[in-house]
Amino acid sequence: TGIELEFRDANDAELANQIVQEGEASPADVFLTENSPS
């Protein structure tokens, strides 16, 4: 695709909480979880 990837790795709950706190200002484009609840 020519698209590069920048990964931010942490656990499910930490990343989900971070995205909620960041809201619409989150730099995240895609969220990948280990388990689905987050």
Full PDB file with SEQRES, HELIX, SHEET, SSBOND, CRYST1, ORIGX, SCALE, CONECT and MASTER records, all heavy atoms in Angstrom:
SEQRES   1 A   38  THR GLY ILE GLU LEU GLU PHE ARG ASP ALA ASN ASP ALA          
SEQRES   2 A   38  GLU LEU ALA ASN GLN ILE VAL GLN GLU GLY GLU ALA SER          
SEQRES   3 A   38  PRO ALA ASP VAL PHE LEU THR GLU ASN SER PRO SER              
HELIX    1 AA1 ASP A   12  GLU A   22  1                                  11    
HELIX    2 AA2 GLY A   23  ALA A   25  5                                   3    
CRYST1    1.000    1.000    1.000  90.00  90.00  90.00 P 1           1          
ORIGX1      1.000000  0.000000  0.000000        0.00000                         
ORIGX2      0.000000  1.000000  0.000000        0.00000                         
ORIGX3      0.000000  0.000000  1.000000        0.00000                         
SCALE1      1.000000  0.000000  0.000000        0.00000                         
SCALE2      0.000000  1.000000  0.000000        0.00000                         
SCALE3      0.000000  0.000000  1.000000        0.00000                         
ATOM      1  N   THR A   1       0.793  -1.233   0.000  1.00  0.00           N  
ATOM      2  CA  THR A   1       0.000   0.000   0.000  1.00  0.00           C  
ATOM      3  C   THR A   1       0.822   1.279   0.000  1.00  0.00           C  
ATOM      4  O   THR A   1       0.295   2.346  -0.314  1.00  0.00           O  
ATOM      5  CB  THR A   1      -0.918   0.039   1.234  1.00  0.00           C  
ATOM      6  OG1 THR A   1      -0.097   0.112   2.414  1.00  0.00           O  
ATOM      7  CG2 THR A   1      -1.801  -1.201   1.295  1.00  0.00           C  
ATOM      8  N   GLY A   2       2.088   1.188   0.407  1.00  0.00           N  
ATOM      9  CA  GLY A   2       2.900   2.392   0.563  1.00  0.00           C  
ATOM     10  C   GLY A   2       2.620   3.136   1.850  1.00  0.00           C  
ATOM     11  O   GLY A   2       3.167   4.220   2.086  1.00  0.00           O  
ATOM     12  N   ILE A   3       1.788   2.574   2.709  1.00  0.00           N  
ATOM     13  CA  ILE A   3       1.405   3.230   3.967  1.00  0.00           C  
ATOM     14  C   ILE A   3       2.290   2.699   5.094  1.00  0.00           C  
ATOM     15  O   ILE A   3       2.326   1.500   5.360  1.00  0.00           O  
ATOM     16  CB  ILE A   3      -0.072   2.956   4.306  1.00  0.00           C  
ATOM     17  CG1 ILE A   3      -0.980   3.445   3.173  1.00  0.00           C  
ATOM     18  CG2 ILE A   3      -0.447   3.618   5.628  1.00  0.00           C  
ATOM     19  CD1 ILE A   3      -2.421   2.977   3.294  1.00  0.00           C  
ATOM     20  N   GLU A   4       2.979   3.595   5.780  1.00  0.00           N  
ATOM     21  CA  GLU A   4       3.810   3.186   6.908  1.00  0.00           C  
ATOM     22  C   GLU A   4       2.963   3.108   8.180  1.00  0.00           C  
ATOM     23  O   GLU A   4       1.877   3.685   8.257  1.00  0.00           O  
ATOM     24  CB  GLU A   4       4.963   4.171   7.100  1.00  0.00           C  
ATOM     25  CG  GLU A   4       5.932   4.199   5.944  1.00  0.00           C  
ATOM     26  CD  GLU A   4       7.105   5.129   6.172  1.00  0.00           C  
ATOM     27  OE1 GLU A   4       7.273   5.586   7.327  1.00  0.00           O  
ATOM     28  OE2 GLU A   4       7.836   5.401   5.214  1.00  0.00           O  
ATOM     29  N   LEU A   5       3.485   2.402   9.162  1.00  0.00           N  
ATOM     30  CA  LEU A   5       2.751   2.184  10.403  1.00  0.00           C  
ATOM     31  C   LEU A   5       3.578   2.617  11.600  1.00  0.00           C  
ATOM     32  O   LEU A   5       4.756   2.288  11.708  1.00  0.00           O  
ATOM     33  CB  LEU A   5       2.378   0.705  10.560  1.00  0.00           C  
ATOM     34  CG  LEU A   5       1.540   0.102   9.437  1.00  0.00           C  
ATOM     35  CD1 LEU A   5       1.329  -1.387   9.681  1.00  0.00           C  
ATOM     36  CD2 LEU A   5       0.198   0.814   9.302  1.00  0.00           C  
ATOM     37  N   GLU A   6       2.934   3.353  12.497  1.00  0.00           N  
ATOM     38  CA  GLU A   6       3.540   3.706  13.771  1.00  0.00           C  
ATOM     39  C   GLU A   6       2.736   3.002  14.861  1.00  0.00           C  
ATOM     40  O   GLU A   6       1.537   3.234  15.008  1.00  0.00           O  
ATOM     41  CB  GLU A   6       3.494   5.218  14.000  1.00  0.00           C  
ATOM     42  CG  GLU A   6       4.002   5.640  15.374  1.00  0.00           C  
ATOM     43  CD  GLU A   6       3.898   7.138  15.591  1.00  0.00           C  
ATOM     44  OE1 GLU A   6       4.649   7.880  14.932  1.00  0.00           O  
ATOM     45  OE2 GLU A   6       3.049   7.559  16.396  1.00  0.00           O  
ATOM     46  N   PHE A   7       3.393   2.110  15.605  1.00  0.00           N  
ATOM     47  CA  PHE A   7       2.721   1.330  16.638  1.00  0.00           C  
ATOM     48  C   PHE A   7       2.922   1.947  18.015  1.00  0.00           C  
ATOM     49  O   PHE A   7       4.023   2.355  18.358  1.00  0.00           O  
ATOM     50  CB  PHE A   7       3.263  -0.103  16.658  1.00  0.00           C  
ATOM     51  CG  PHE A   7       2.868  -0.928  15.474  1.00  0.00           C  
ATOM     52  CD1 PHE A   7       3.707  -1.026  14.380  1.00  0.00           C  
ATOM     53  CD2 PHE A   7       1.662  -1.603  15.452  1.00  0.00           C  
ATOM     54  CE1 PHE A   7       3.350  -1.791  13.276  1.00  0.00           C  
ATOM     55  CE2 PHE A   7       1.301  -2.373  14.369  1.00  0.00           C  
ATOM     56  CZ  PHE A   7       2.140  -2.467  13.269  1.00  0.00           C  
ATOM     57  N   ARG A   8       1.849   1.971  18.788  1.00  0.00           N  
ATOM     58  CA  ARG A   8       1.926   2.296  20.205  1.00  0.00           C  
ATOM     59  C   ARG A   8       1.388   1.087  20.955  1.00  0.00           C  
ATOM     60  O   ARG A   8       0.195   0.790  20.891  1.00  0.00           O  
ATOM     61  CB  ARG A   8       1.129   3.565  20.521  1.00  0.00           C  
ATOM     62  CG  ARG A   8       1.621   4.765  19.711  1.00  0.00           C  
ATOM     63  CD  ARG A   8       1.021   6.068  20.181  1.00  0.00           C  
ATOM     64  NE  ARG A   8       1.536   7.181  19.377  1.00  0.00           N  
ATOM     65  CZ  ARG A   8       1.360   8.461  19.677  1.00  0.00           C  
ATOM     66  NH1 ARG A   8       0.690   8.792  20.765  1.00  0.00           N  
ATOM     67  NH2 ARG A   8       1.846   9.406  18.897  1.00  0.00           N  
ATOM     68  N   ASP A   9       2.275   0.354  21.609  1.00  0.00           N  
ATOM     69  CA  ASP A   9       1.954  -0.932  22.220  1.00  0.00           C  
ATOM     70  C   ASP A   9       1.775  -0.799  23.730  1.00  0.00           C  
ATOM     71  O   ASP A   9       2.636  -0.249  24.411  1.00  0.00           O  
ATOM     72  CB  ASP A   9       3.064  -1.948  21.928  1.00  0.00           C  
ATOM     73  CG  ASP A   9       3.227  -2.210  20.442  1.00  0.00           C  
ATOM     74  OD1 ASP A   9       2.303  -2.773  19.831  1.00  0.00           O  
ATOM     75  OD2 ASP A   9       4.286  -1.847  19.897  1.00  0.00           O  
ATOM     76  N   ALA A  10       0.658  -1.306  24.231  1.00  0.00           N  
ATOM     77  CA  ALA A  10       0.398  -1.362  25.665  1.00  0.00           C  
ATOM     78  C   ALA A  10      -0.724  -2.371  25.855  1.00  0.00           C  
ATOM     79  O   ALA A  10      -1.105  -3.083  24.916  1.00  0.00           O  
ATOM     80  CB  ALA A  10       0.048   0.012  26.223  1.00  0.00           C  
ATOM     81  N   ASN A  11      -1.292  -2.456  27.072  1.00  0.00           N  
ATOM     82  CA  ASN A  11      -2.357  -3.438  27.264  1.00  0.00           C  
ATOM     83  C   ASN A  11      -3.720  -2.867  26.870  1.00  0.00           C  
ATOM     84  O   ASN A  11      -3.873  -1.665  26.646  1.00  0.00           O  
ATOM     85  CB  ASN A  11      -2.360  -3.975  28.700  1.00  0.00           C  
ATOM     86  CG  ASN A  11      -2.689  -2.913  29.732  1.00  0.00           C  
ATOM     87  OD1 ASN A  11      -3.642  -2.151  29.590  1.00  0.00           O  
ATOM     88  ND2 ASN A  11      -1.896  -2.850  30.784  1.00  0.00           N  
ATOM     89  N   ASP A  12      -4.699  -3.761  26.784  1.00  0.00           N  
ATOM     90  CA  ASP A  12      -6.035  -3.400  26.310  1.00  0.00           C  
ATOM     91  C   ASP A  12      -6.618  -2.198  27.054  1.00  0.00           C  
ATOM     92  O   ASP A  12      -7.007  -1.194  26.453  1.00  0.00           O  
ATOM     93  CB  ASP A  12      -6.994  -4.588  26.495  1.00  0.00           C  
ATOM     94  CG  ASP A  12      -6.854  -5.651  25.424  1.00  0.00           C  
ATOM     95  OD1 ASP A  12      -6.316  -5.349  24.358  1.00  0.00           O  
ATOM     96  OD2 ASP A  12      -7.308  -6.781  25.662  1.00  0.00           O  
ATOM     97  N   ALA A  13      -6.725  -2.350  28.377  1.00  0.00           N  
ATOM     98  CA  ALA A  13      -7.403  -1.322  29.174  1.00  0.00           C  
ATOM     99  C   ALA A  13      -6.672   0.003  29.125  1.00  0.00           C  
ATOM    100  O   ALA A  13      -7.297   1.074  29.042  1.00  0.00           O  
ATOM    101  CB  ALA A  13      -7.549  -1.800  30.616  1.00  0.00           C  
ATOM    102  N   GLU A  14      -5.340  -0.044  29.176  1.00  0.00           N  
ATOM    103  CA  GLU A  14      -4.549   1.193  29.148  1.00  0.00           C  
ATOM    104  C   GLU A  14      -4.800   1.973  27.865  1.00  0.00           C  
ATOM    105  O   GLU A  14      -5.028   3.191  27.888  1.00  0.00           O  
ATOM    106  CB  GLU A  14      -3.071   0.866  29.295  1.00  0.00           C  
ATOM    107  CG  GLU A  14      -2.162   2.083  29.288  1.00  0.00           C  
ATOM    108  CD  GLU A  14      -0.694   1.722  29.375  1.00  0.00           C  
ATOM    109  OE1 GLU A  14      -0.378   0.556  29.638  1.00  0.00           O  
ATOM    110  OE2 GLU A  14       0.132   2.630  29.167  1.00  0.00           O  
ATOM    111  N   LEU A  15      -4.768   1.275  26.736  1.00  0.00           N  
ATOM    112  CA  LEU A  15      -4.948   1.957  25.460  1.00  0.00           C  
ATOM    113  C   LEU A  15      -6.387   2.444  25.280  1.00  0.00           C  
ATOM    114  O   LEU A  15      -6.621   3.545  24.770  1.00  0.00           O  
ATOM    115  CB  LEU A  15      -4.554   1.035  24.317  1.00  0.00           C  
ATOM    116  CG  LEU A  15      -3.042   0.765  24.184  1.00  0.00           C  
ATOM    117  CD1 LEU A  15      -2.782  -0.268  23.098  1.00  0.00           C  
ATOM    118  CD2 LEU A  15      -2.281   2.060  23.877  1.00  0.00           C  
ATOM    119  N   ALA A  16      -7.356   1.621  25.685  1.00  0.00           N  
ATOM    120  CA  ALA A  16      -8.750   2.051  25.567  1.00  0.00           C  
ATOM    121  C   ALA A  16      -9.004   3.295  26.406  1.00  0.00           C  
ATOM    122  O   ALA A  16      -9.643   4.259  25.943  1.00  0.00           O  
ATOM    123  CB  ALA A  16      -9.684   0.920  25.992  1.00  0.00           C  
ATOM    124  N   ASN A  17      -8.511   3.283  27.630  1.00  0.00           N  
ATOM    125  CA  ASN A  17      -8.694   4.456  28.494  1.00  0.00           C  
ATOM    126  C   ASN A  17      -8.003   5.682  27.923  1.00  0.00           C  
ATOM    127  O   ASN A  17      -8.517   6.802  28.006  1.00  0.00           O  
ATOM    128  CB  ASN A  17      -8.150   4.160  29.894  1.00  0.00           C  
ATOM    129  CG  ASN A  17      -9.008   3.169  30.654  1.00  0.00           C  
ATOM    130  OD1 ASN A  17     -10.193   3.044  30.388  1.00  0.00           O  
ATOM    131  ND2 ASN A  17      -8.407   2.454  31.585  1.00  0.00           N  
ATOM    132  N   GLN A  18      -6.833   5.464  27.316  1.00  0.00           N  
ATOM    133  CA  GLN A  18      -6.107   6.587  26.730  1.00  0.00           C  
ATOM    134  C   GLN A  18      -6.901   7.198  25.575  1.00  0.00           C  
ATOM    135  O   GLN A  18      -7.016   8.423  25.463  1.00  0.00           O  
ATOM    136  CB  GLN A  18      -4.737   6.122  26.238  1.00  0.00           C  
ATOM    137  CG  GLN A  18      -3.891   7.251  25.647  1.00  0.00           C  
ATOM    138  CD  GLN A  18      -2.488   6.782  25.295  1.00  0.00           C  
ATOM    139  OE1 GLN A  18      -1.995   5.778  25.811  1.00  0.00           O  
ATOM    140  NE2 GLN A  18      -1.834   7.514  24.402  1.00  0.00           N  
ATOM    141  N   ILE A  19      -7.478   6.347  24.736  1.00  0.00           N  
ATOM    142  CA  ILE A  19      -8.254   6.855  23.602  1.00  0.00           C  
ATOM    143  C   ILE A  19      -9.495   7.604  24.088  1.00  0.00           C  
ATOM    144  O   ILE A  19      -9.853   8.660  23.557  1.00  0.00           O  
ATOM    145  CB  ILE A  19      -8.642   5.701  22.655  1.00  0.00           C  
ATOM    146  CG1 ILE A  19      -7.387   5.146  21.963  1.00  0.00           C  
ATOM    147  CG2 ILE A  19      -9.643   6.175  21.605  1.00  0.00           C  
ATOM    148  CD1 ILE A  19      -7.638   3.879  21.159  1.00  0.00           C  
ATOM    149  N   VAL A  20     -10.158   7.072  25.117  1.00  0.00           N  
ATOM    150  CA  VAL A  20     -11.335   7.754  25.665  1.00  0.00           C  
ATOM    151  C   VAL A  20     -10.949   9.134  26.192  1.00  0.00           C  
ATOM    152  O   VAL A  20     -11.649  10.126  25.950  1.00  0.00           O  
ATOM    153  CB  VAL A  20     -11.982   6.909  26.775  1.00  0.00           C  
ATOM    154  CG1 VAL A  20     -13.039   7.724  27.524  1.00  0.00           C  
ATOM    155  CG2 VAL A  20     -12.616   5.657  26.190  1.00  0.00           C  
ATOM    156  N   GLN A  21      -9.817   9.200  26.890  1.00  0.00           N  
ATOM    157  CA  GLN A  21      -9.367  10.488  27.418  1.00  0.00           C  
ATOM    158  C   GLN A  21      -8.980  11.446  26.297  1.00  0.00           C  
ATOM    159  O   GLN A  21      -9.232  12.656  26.380  1.00  0.00           O  
ATOM    160  CB  GLN A  21      -8.186  10.262  28.356  1.00  0.00           C  
ATOM    161  CG  GLN A  21      -8.564   9.551  29.651  1.00  0.00           C  
ATOM    162  CD  GLN A  21      -7.362   9.138  30.467  1.00  0.00           C  
ATOM    163  OE1 GLN A  21      -6.218   9.388  30.086  1.00  0.00           O  
ATOM    164  NE2 GLN A  21      -7.597   8.495  31.604  1.00  0.00           N  
ATOM    165  N   GLU A  22      -8.369  10.920  25.251  1.00  0.00           N  
ATOM    166  CA  GLU A  22      -7.951  11.775  24.136  1.00  0.00           C  
ATOM    167  C   GLU A  22      -9.140  12.250  23.316  1.00  0.00           C  
ATOM    168  O   GLU A  22      -9.104  13.330  22.717  1.00  0.00           O  
ATOM    169  CB  GLU A  22      -6.972  11.011  23.243  1.00  0.00           C  
ATOM    170  CG  GLU A  22      -5.626  10.729  23.904  1.00  0.00           C  
ATOM    171  CD  GLU A  22      -4.790   9.731  23.128  1.00  0.00           C  
ATOM    172  OE1 GLU A  22      -5.358   8.998  22.281  1.00  0.00           O  
ATOM    173  OE2 GLU A  22      -3.578   9.657  23.385  1.00  0.00           O  
ATOM    174  N   GLY A  23     -10.193  11.423  23.247  1.00  0.00           N  
ATOM    175  CA  GLY A  23     -11.389  11.791  22.500  1.00  0.00           C  
ATOM    176  C   GLY A  23     -11.086  12.046  21.033  1.00  0.00           C  
ATOM    177  O   GLY A  23     -10.298  11.331  20.408  1.00  0.00           O  
ATOM    178  N   GLU A  24     -11.698  13.079  20.491  1.00  0.00           N  
ATOM    179  CA  GLU A  24     -11.514  13.388  19.078  1.00  0.00           C  
ATOM    180  C   GLU A  24     -10.100  13.857  18.756  1.00  0.00           C  
ATOM    181  O   GLU A  24      -9.724  13.914  17.591  1.00  0.00           O  
ATOM    182  CB  GLU A  24     -12.518  14.451  18.643  1.00  0.00           C  
ATOM    183  CG  GLU A  24     -13.968  13.970  18.687  1.00  0.00           C  
ATOM    184  CD  GLU A  24     -14.932  15.007  18.152  1.00  0.00           C  
ATOM    185  OE1 GLU A  24     -14.471  16.097  17.751  1.00  0.00           O  
ATOM    186  OE2 GLU A  24     -16.148  14.729  18.143  1.00  0.00           O  
ATOM    187  N   ALA A  25      -9.320  14.176  19.788  1.00  0.00           N  
ATOM    188  CA  ALA A  25      -7.941  14.612  19.563  1.00  0.00           C  
ATOM    189  C   ALA A  25      -6.962  13.448  19.525  1.00  0.00           C  
ATOM    190  O   ALA A  25      -5.760  13.658  19.361  1.00  0.00           O  
ATOM    191  CB  ALA A  25      -7.525  15.584  20.663  1.00  0.00           C  
ATOM    192  N   SER A  26      -7.457  12.226  19.656  1.00  0.00           N  
ATOM    193  CA  SER A  26      -6.564  11.071  19.675  1.00  0.00           C  
ATOM    194  C   SER A  26      -5.795  10.962  18.365  1.00  0.00           C  
ATOM    195  O   SER A  26      -6.369  11.091  17.279  1.00  0.00           O  
ATOM    196  CB  SER A  26      -7.351   9.780  19.904  1.00  0.00           C  
ATOM    197  OG  SER A  26      -6.482   8.657  19.844  1.00  0.00           O  
ATOM    198  N   PRO A  27      -4.483  10.687  18.454  1.00  0.00           N  
ATOM    199  CA  PRO A  27      -3.715  10.477  17.228  1.00  0.00           C  
ATOM    200  C   PRO A  27      -3.941   9.103  16.618  1.00  0.00           C  
ATOM    201  O   PRO A  27      -3.475   8.833  15.511  1.00  0.00           O  
ATOM    202  CB  PRO A  27      -2.258  10.629  17.699  1.00  0.00           C  
ATOM    203  CG  PRO A  27      -2.296  10.203  19.126  1.00  0.00           C  
ATOM    204  CD  PRO A  27      -3.637  10.666  19.652  1.00  0.00           C  
ATOM    205  N   ALA A  28      -4.647   8.225  17.340  1.00  0.00           N  
ATOM    206  CA  ALA A  28      -4.845   6.855  16.859  1.00  0.00           C  
ATOM    207  C   ALA A  28      -5.731   6.828  15.619  1.00  0.00           C  
ATOM    208  O   ALA A  28      -6.748   7.514  15.548  1.00  0.00           O  
ATOM    209  CB  ALA A  28      -5.458   6.002  17.954  1.00  0.00           C  
ATOM    210  N   ASP A  29      -5.333   6.023  14.651  1.00  0.00           N  
ATOM    211  CA  ASP A  29      -6.156   5.762  13.470  1.00  0.00           C  
ATOM    212  C   ASP A  29      -6.860   4.411  13.585  1.00  0.00           C  
ATOM    213  O   ASP A  29      -8.001   4.258  13.154  1.00  0.00           O  
ATOM    214  CB  ASP A  29      -5.300   5.786  12.205  1.00  0.00           C  
ATOM    215  CG  ASP A  29      -4.677   7.131  11.943  1.00  0.00           C  
ATOM    216  OD1 ASP A  29      -5.420   8.096  11.703  1.00  0.00           O  
ATOM    217  OD2 ASP A  29      -3.425   7.235  12.001  1.00  0.00           O  
ATOM    218  N   VAL A  30      -6.140   3.426  14.161  1.00  0.00           N  
ATOM    219  CA  VAL A  30      -6.655   2.058  14.285  1.00  0.00           C  
ATOM    220  C   VAL A  30      -6.367   1.562  15.688  1.00  0.00           C  
ATOM    221  O   VAL A  30      -5.306   1.849  16.253  1.00  0.00           O  
ATOM    222  CB  VAL A  30      -5.990   1.123  13.244  1.00  0.00           C  
ATOM    223  CG1 VAL A  30      -6.414  -0.325  13.458  1.00  0.00           C  
ATOM    224  CG2 VAL A  30      -6.332   1.574  11.828  1.00  0.00           C  
ATOM    225  N   PHE A  31      -7.311   0.815  16.262  1.00  0.00           N  
ATOM    226  CA  PHE A  31      -7.131   0.205  17.580  1.00  0.00           C  
ATOM    227  C   PHE A  31      -7.215  -1.306  17.421  1.00  0.00           C  
ATOM    228  O   PHE A  31      -8.186  -1.830  16.864  1.00  0.00           O  
ATOM    229  CB  PHE A  31      -8.209   0.704  18.539  1.00  0.00           C  
ATOM    230  CG  PHE A  31      -8.073   0.202  19.958  1.00  0.00           C  
ATOM    231  CD1 PHE A  31      -6.837  -0.010  20.542  1.00  0.00           C  
ATOM    232  CD2 PHE A  31      -9.215  -0.043  20.722  1.00  0.00           C  
ATOM    233  CE1 PHE A  31      -6.721  -0.454  21.848  1.00  0.00           C  
ATOM    234  CE2 PHE A  31      -9.113  -0.480  22.037  1.00  0.00           C  
ATOM    235  CZ  PHE A  31      -7.865  -0.699  22.598  1.00  0.00           C  
ATOM    236  N   LEU A  32      -6.198  -2.017  17.907  1.00  0.00           N  
ATOM    237  CA  LEU A  32      -6.162  -3.476  17.899  1.00  0.00           C  
ATOM    238  C   LEU A  32      -6.108  -3.966  19.337  1.00  0.00           C  
ATOM    239  O   LEU A  32      -5.258  -3.518  20.106  1.00  0.00           O  
ATOM    240  CB  LEU A  32      -4.935  -3.997  17.140  1.00  0.00           C  
ATOM    241  CG  LEU A  32      -4.703  -3.467  15.728  1.00  0.00           C  
ATOM    242  CD1 LEU A  32      -3.433  -4.087  15.138  1.00  0.00           C  
ATOM    243  CD2 LEU A  32      -5.906  -3.766  14.840  1.00  0.00           C  
ATOM    244  N   THR A  33      -6.999  -4.874  19.693  1.00  0.00           N  
ATOM    245  CA  THR A  33      -7.026  -5.378  21.054  1.00  0.00           C  
ATOM    246  C   THR A  33      -6.652  -6.849  21.115  1.00  0.00           C  
ATOM    247  O   THR A  33      -6.734  -7.578  20.122  1.00  0.00           O  
ATOM    248  CB  THR A  33      -8.417  -5.214  21.692  1.00  0.00           C  
ATOM    249  OG1 THR A  33      -9.351  -6.079  21.016  1.00  0.00           O  
ATOM    250  CG2 THR A  33      -8.888  -3.786  21.621  1.00  0.00           C  
ATOM    251  N   GLU A  34      -6.272  -7.269  22.322  1.00  0.00           N  
ATOM    252  CA  GLU A  34      -6.020  -8.681  22.564  1.00  0.00           C  
ATOM    253  C   GLU A  34      -7.341  -9.399  22.841  1.00  0.00           C  
ATOM    254  O   GLU A  34      -7.573 -10.502  22.368  1.00  0.00           O  
ATOM    255  CB  GLU A  34      -5.057  -8.828  23.740  1.00  0.00           C  
ATOM    256  CG  GLU A  34      -4.539 -10.233  23.933  1.00  0.00           C  
ATOM    257  CD  GLU A  34      -3.433 -10.263  24.962  1.00  0.00           C  
ATOM    258  OE1 GLU A  34      -3.420  -9.426  25.882  1.00  0.00           O  
ATOM    259  OE2 GLU A  34      -2.570 -11.140  24.847  1.00  0.00           O  
ATOM    260  N   ASN A  35      -8.208  -8.774  23.637  1.00  0.00           N  
ATOM    261  CA  ASN A  35      -9.561  -9.260  23.907  1.00  0.00           C  
ATOM    262  C   ASN A  35     -10.543  -8.152  23.557  1.00  0.00           C  
ATOM    263  O   ASN A  35     -10.188  -6.974  23.533  1.00  0.00           O  
ATOM    264  CB  ASN A  35      -9.709  -9.649  25.375  1.00  0.00           C  
ATOM    265  CG  ASN A  35      -8.893 -10.867  25.749  1.00  0.00           C  
ATOM    266  OD1 ASN A  35      -9.268 -11.998  25.479  1.00  0.00           O  
ATOM    267  ND2 ASN A  35      -7.743 -10.645  26.381  1.00  0.00           N  
ATOM    268  N   SER A  36     -11.793  -8.525  23.317  1.00  0.00           N  
ATOM    269  CA  SER A  36     -12.733  -7.544  22.761  1.00  0.00           C  
ATOM    270  C   SER A  36     -13.367  -6.563  23.738  1.00  0.00           C  
ATOM    271  O   SER A  36     -13.843  -5.512  23.293  1.00  0.00           O  
ATOM    272  CB  SER A  36     -13.845  -8.273  22.001  1.00  0.00           C  
ATOM    273  OG  SER A  36     -14.605  -9.085  22.862  1.00  0.00           O  
ATOM    274  N   PRO A  37     -13.451  -6.838  25.063  1.00  0.00           N  
ATOM    275  CA  PRO A  37     -14.156  -5.872  25.912  1.00  0.00           C  
ATOM    276  C   PRO A  37     -13.658  -4.440  25.811  1.00  0.00           C  
ATOM    277  O   PRO A  37     -14.462  -3.499  25.886  1.00  0.00           O  
ATOM    278  CB  PRO A  37     -13.952  -6.452  27.314  1.00  0.00           C  
ATOM    279  CG  PRO A  37     -13.921  -7.928  27.099  1.00  0.00           C  
ATOM    280  CD  PRO A  37     -13.143  -8.087  25.825  1.00  0.00           C  
ATOM    281  N   SER A  38     -12.354  -4.240  25.643  1.00  0.00           N  
ATOM    282  CA  SER A  38     -11.837  -2.870  25.598  1.00  0.00           C  
ATOM    283  C   SER A  38     -12.252  -2.130  24.334  1.00  0.00           C  
ATOM    284  O   SER A  38     -12.475  -0.920  24.360  1.00  0.00           O  
ATOM    285  CB  SER A  38     -10.308  -2.875  25.730  1.00  0.00           C  
ATOM    286  OG  SER A  38      -9.930  -3.170  27.055  1.00  0.00           O  
TER     287      SER A  38                                                      
MASTER        0    0    0    2    0    0    0    6  286    1    0    3          
END                                                                             
